[in-house]
Amino acid sequence: MAMVLSKQTKRAVIGRRQKLTPYLLVLPAFLVVIGLIVYPVLTAVNLSLHSGSATRLTGANYRYFLTDPV
């Protein structure tokens, strides 16, 4: 049982595919950038806002860095 599509429907499907293709081609590069750059930066900022094993956010590390005379 083959499904027969009209020419207009075929054009609509092809048009949708052509609109999606650039995004699908860029997606792997985007995921690599997220995984190798954005995620580590956000993790580092998150870790820097915690002091030791504290579970709540604190600015102690930045306070120490900005007030240390060295």
N, C-alpha and C. Protein backbone atom coordinates (compact mmCIF):
# COMPACT_ATOMS: atom_id res chain seq x y z
N MET A 1 0.84 -1.18 0.00
CA MET A 1 0.00 0.00 0.00
C MET A 1 0.89 1.25 0.00
N ALA A 2 1.07 1.79 -1.14
CA ALA A 2 1.87 3.00 -1.26
C ALA A 2 0.97 4.21 -1.07
N MET A 3 1.51 5.19 -0.38
CA MET A 3 0.75 6.42 -0.15
C MET A 3 1.05 7.39 -1.28
N VAL A 4 0.03 7.87 -1.93
CA VAL A 4 0.21 8.77 -3.07
C VAL A 4 -0.02 10.19 -2.58
N LEU A 5 0.98 11.04 -2.81
CA LEU A 5 0.89 12.43 -2.40
C LEU A 5 0.71 13.32 -3.62
N SER A 6 -0.03 14.38 -3.45
CA SER A 6 -0.20 15.31 -4.56
C SER A 6 1.08 16.11 -4.75
N LYS A 7 1.22 16.76 -5.89
CA LYS A 7 2.41 17.56 -6.17
C LYS A 7 2.55 18.70 -5.17
N GLN A 8 1.43 19.29 -4.78
CA GLN A 8 1.46 20.40 -3.83
C GLN A 8 1.96 19.92 -2.46
N THR A 9 1.51 18.75 -2.03
CA THR A 9 1.95 18.20 -0.76
C THR A 9 3.44 17.87 -0.80
N LYS A 10 3.91 17.31 -1.92
CA LYS A 10 5.33 16.99 -2.07
C LYS A 10 6.17 18.25 -1.99
N ARG A 11 5.71 19.32 -2.64
CA ARG A 11 6.45 20.60 -2.59
C ARG A 11 6.49 21.14 -1.17
N ALA A 12 5.40 21.00 -0.44
CA ALA A 12 5.36 21.49 0.94
C ALA A 12 6.35 20.73 1.82
N VAL A 13 6.41 19.41 1.63
CA VAL A 13 7.34 18.59 2.41
C VAL A 13 8.77 18.95 2.08
N ILE A 14 9.08 19.11 0.80
CA ILE A 14 10.43 19.47 0.37
C ILE A 14 10.78 20.87 0.89
N GLY A 15 9.84 21.78 0.84
CA GLY A 15 10.07 23.14 1.35
C GLY A 15 10.39 23.15 2.83
N ARG A 16 9.67 22.33 3.61
CA ARG A 16 9.94 22.23 5.04
C ARG A 16 11.32 21.66 5.29
N ARG A 17 11.69 20.64 4.52
CA ARG A 17 13.01 20.01 4.66
C ARG A 17 14.12 21.01 4.35
N GLN A 18 13.92 21.80 3.31
CA GLN A 18 14.93 22.77 2.92
C GLN A 18 15.09 23.86 3.97
N LYS A 19 14.03 24.20 4.66
CA LYS A 19 14.12 25.20 5.73
C LYS A 19 14.83 24.64 6.95
N LEU A 20 14.67 23.36 7.22
CA LEU A 20 15.29 22.73 8.39
C LEU A 20 16.75 22.35 8.19
N THR A 21 17.16 22.11 6.97
CA THR A 21 18.50 21.60 6.68
C THR A 21 19.62 22.46 7.28
N PRO A 22 19.62 23.77 7.12
CA PRO A 22 20.72 24.56 7.70
C PRO A 22 20.83 24.39 9.22
N TYR A 23 19.70 24.32 9.88
CA TYR A 23 19.73 24.17 11.34
C TYR A 23 20.28 22.80 11.74
N LEU A 24 19.92 21.79 11.00
CA LEU A 24 20.43 20.46 11.30
C LEU A 24 21.92 20.35 11.02
N LEU A 25 22.42 21.08 10.05
CA LEU A 25 23.84 21.06 9.76
C LEU A 25 24.65 21.82 10.81
N VAL A 26 24.08 22.84 11.40
CA VAL A 26 24.77 23.65 12.41
C VAL A 26 24.68 23.01 13.79
N LEU A 27 23.70 22.17 14.01
CA LEU A 27 23.45 21.58 15.33
C LEU A 27 24.67 20.86 15.93
N PRO A 28 25.40 20.02 15.22
CA PRO A 28 26.57 19.37 15.83
C PRO A 28 27.63 20.37 16.31
N ALA A 29 27.91 21.39 15.52
CA ALA A 29 28.89 22.40 15.93
C ALA A 29 28.40 23.16 17.15
N PHE A 30 27.12 23.46 17.17
CA PHE A 30 26.53 24.17 18.31
C PHE A 30 26.66 23.32 19.58
N LEU A 31 26.39 22.04 19.49
CA LEU A 31 26.50 21.16 20.66
C LEU A 31 27.94 21.04 21.14
N VAL A 32 28.89 21.03 20.22
CA VAL A 32 30.31 20.97 20.60
C VAL A 32 30.70 22.25 21.34
N VAL A 33 30.27 23.39 20.86
CA VAL A 33 30.58 24.66 21.52
C VAL A 33 29.97 24.68 22.92
N ILE A 34 28.74 24.25 23.03
CA ILE A 34 28.09 24.21 24.34
C ILE A 34 28.86 23.28 25.27
N GLY A 35 29.25 22.12 24.78
CA GLY A 35 29.91 21.13 25.62
C GLY A 35 31.33 21.49 26.00
N LEU A 36 32.06 22.17 25.12
CA LEU A 36 33.47 22.45 25.38
C LEU A 36 33.75 23.85 25.91
N ILE A 37 32.81 24.77 25.73
CA ILE A 37 33.06 26.15 26.17
C ILE A 37 32.04 26.62 27.19
N VAL A 38 30.79 26.61 26.84
CA VAL A 38 29.76 27.20 27.69
C VAL A 38 29.59 26.43 29.00
N TYR A 39 29.47 25.12 28.93
CA TYR A 39 29.26 24.33 30.15
C TYR A 39 30.42 24.47 31.14
N PRO A 40 31.69 24.34 30.71
CA PRO A 40 32.79 24.52 31.67
C PRO A 40 32.84 25.93 32.28
N VAL A 41 32.54 26.95 31.49
CA VAL A 41 32.55 28.31 32.03
C VAL A 41 31.47 28.46 33.09
N LEU A 42 30.27 27.99 32.80
CA LEU A 42 29.19 28.09 33.79
C LEU A 42 29.50 27.27 35.04
N THR A 43 30.13 26.12 34.88
CA THR A 43 30.51 25.30 36.02
C THR A 43 31.56 26.01 36.86
N ALA A 44 32.53 26.64 36.22
CA ALA A 44 33.57 27.37 36.96
C ALA A 44 32.98 28.54 37.74
N VAL A 45 32.07 29.26 37.13
CA VAL A 45 31.42 30.38 37.83
C VAL A 45 30.62 29.84 39.01
N ASN A 46 29.91 28.76 38.81
CA ASN A 46 29.13 28.16 39.90
C ASN A 46 30.04 27.73 41.05
N LEU A 47 31.15 27.07 40.73
CA LEU A 47 32.08 26.63 41.77
C LEU A 47 32.72 27.81 42.48
N SER A 48 33.00 28.88 41.77
CA SER A 48 33.64 30.04 42.40
C SER A 48 32.69 30.77 43.35
N LEU A 49 31.41 30.57 43.18
CA LEU A 49 30.43 31.21 44.06
C LEU A 49 30.15 30.40 45.32
N HIS A 50 30.76 29.23 45.46
CA HIS A 50 30.61 28.42 46.65
C HIS A 50 31.95 28.39 47.40
N SER A 51 31.88 28.44 48.69
CA SER A 51 33.10 28.42 49.49
C SER A 51 33.23 27.06 50.15
N GLY A 52 34.24 26.29 49.78
CA GLY A 52 34.44 24.96 50.35
C GLY A 52 33.30 24.04 49.95
N SER A 53 32.71 23.39 50.94
CA SER A 53 31.61 22.47 50.67
C SER A 53 30.26 23.11 50.97
N ALA A 54 30.23 24.45 51.00
CA ALA A 54 28.97 25.15 51.29
C ALA A 54 27.96 24.90 50.17
N THR A 55 26.73 24.70 50.57
CA THR A 55 25.69 24.44 49.58
C THR A 55 25.00 25.73 49.14
N ARG A 56 25.19 26.80 49.88
CA ARG A 56 24.54 28.05 49.48
C ARG A 56 25.56 28.96 48.79
N LEU A 57 25.05 29.88 48.01
CA LEU A 57 25.93 30.79 47.28
C LEU A 57 26.56 31.79 48.23
N THR A 58 27.83 32.08 47.98
CA THR A 58 28.54 33.07 48.77
C THR A 58 29.57 33.76 47.89
N GLY A 59 29.89 34.97 48.21
CA GLY A 59 30.89 35.72 47.45
C GLY A 59 32.23 35.75 48.16
N ALA A 60 32.46 34.83 49.09
CA ALA A 60 33.68 34.84 49.90
C ALA A 60 34.94 34.72 49.04
N ASN A 61 34.92 33.90 48.02
CA ASN A 61 36.11 33.76 47.17
C ASN A 61 36.44 35.07 46.46
N TYR A 62 35.43 35.75 45.95
CA TYR A 62 35.67 37.02 45.27
C TYR A 62 36.08 38.09 46.27
N ARG A 63 35.47 38.09 47.45
CA ARG A 63 35.84 39.05 48.49
C ARG A 63 37.30 38.87 48.87
N TYR A 64 37.73 37.63 49.04
CA TYR A 64 39.13 37.34 49.37
C TYR A 64 40.05 37.80 48.25
N PHE A 65 39.71 37.50 47.02
CA PHE A 65 40.54 37.86 45.87
C PHE A 65 40.68 39.37 45.74
N LEU A 66 39.59 40.11 45.95
CA LEU A 66 39.63 41.56 45.77
C LEU A 66 40.24 42.31 46.94
N THR A 67 40.27 41.69 48.14
CA THR A 67 40.81 42.39 49.31
C THR A 67 42.20 41.90 49.72
N ASP A 68 42.69 40.85 49.13
CA ASP A 68 44.02 40.33 49.47
C ASP A 68 45.09 41.30 48.94
N PRO A 69 46.01 41.73 49.81
CA PRO A 69 47.01 42.71 49.39
C PRO A 69 47.99 42.16 48.35
N VAL A 70 48.18 40.87 48.27
CA VAL A 70 49.11 40.30 47.30
C VAL A 70 48.53 40.42 45.93
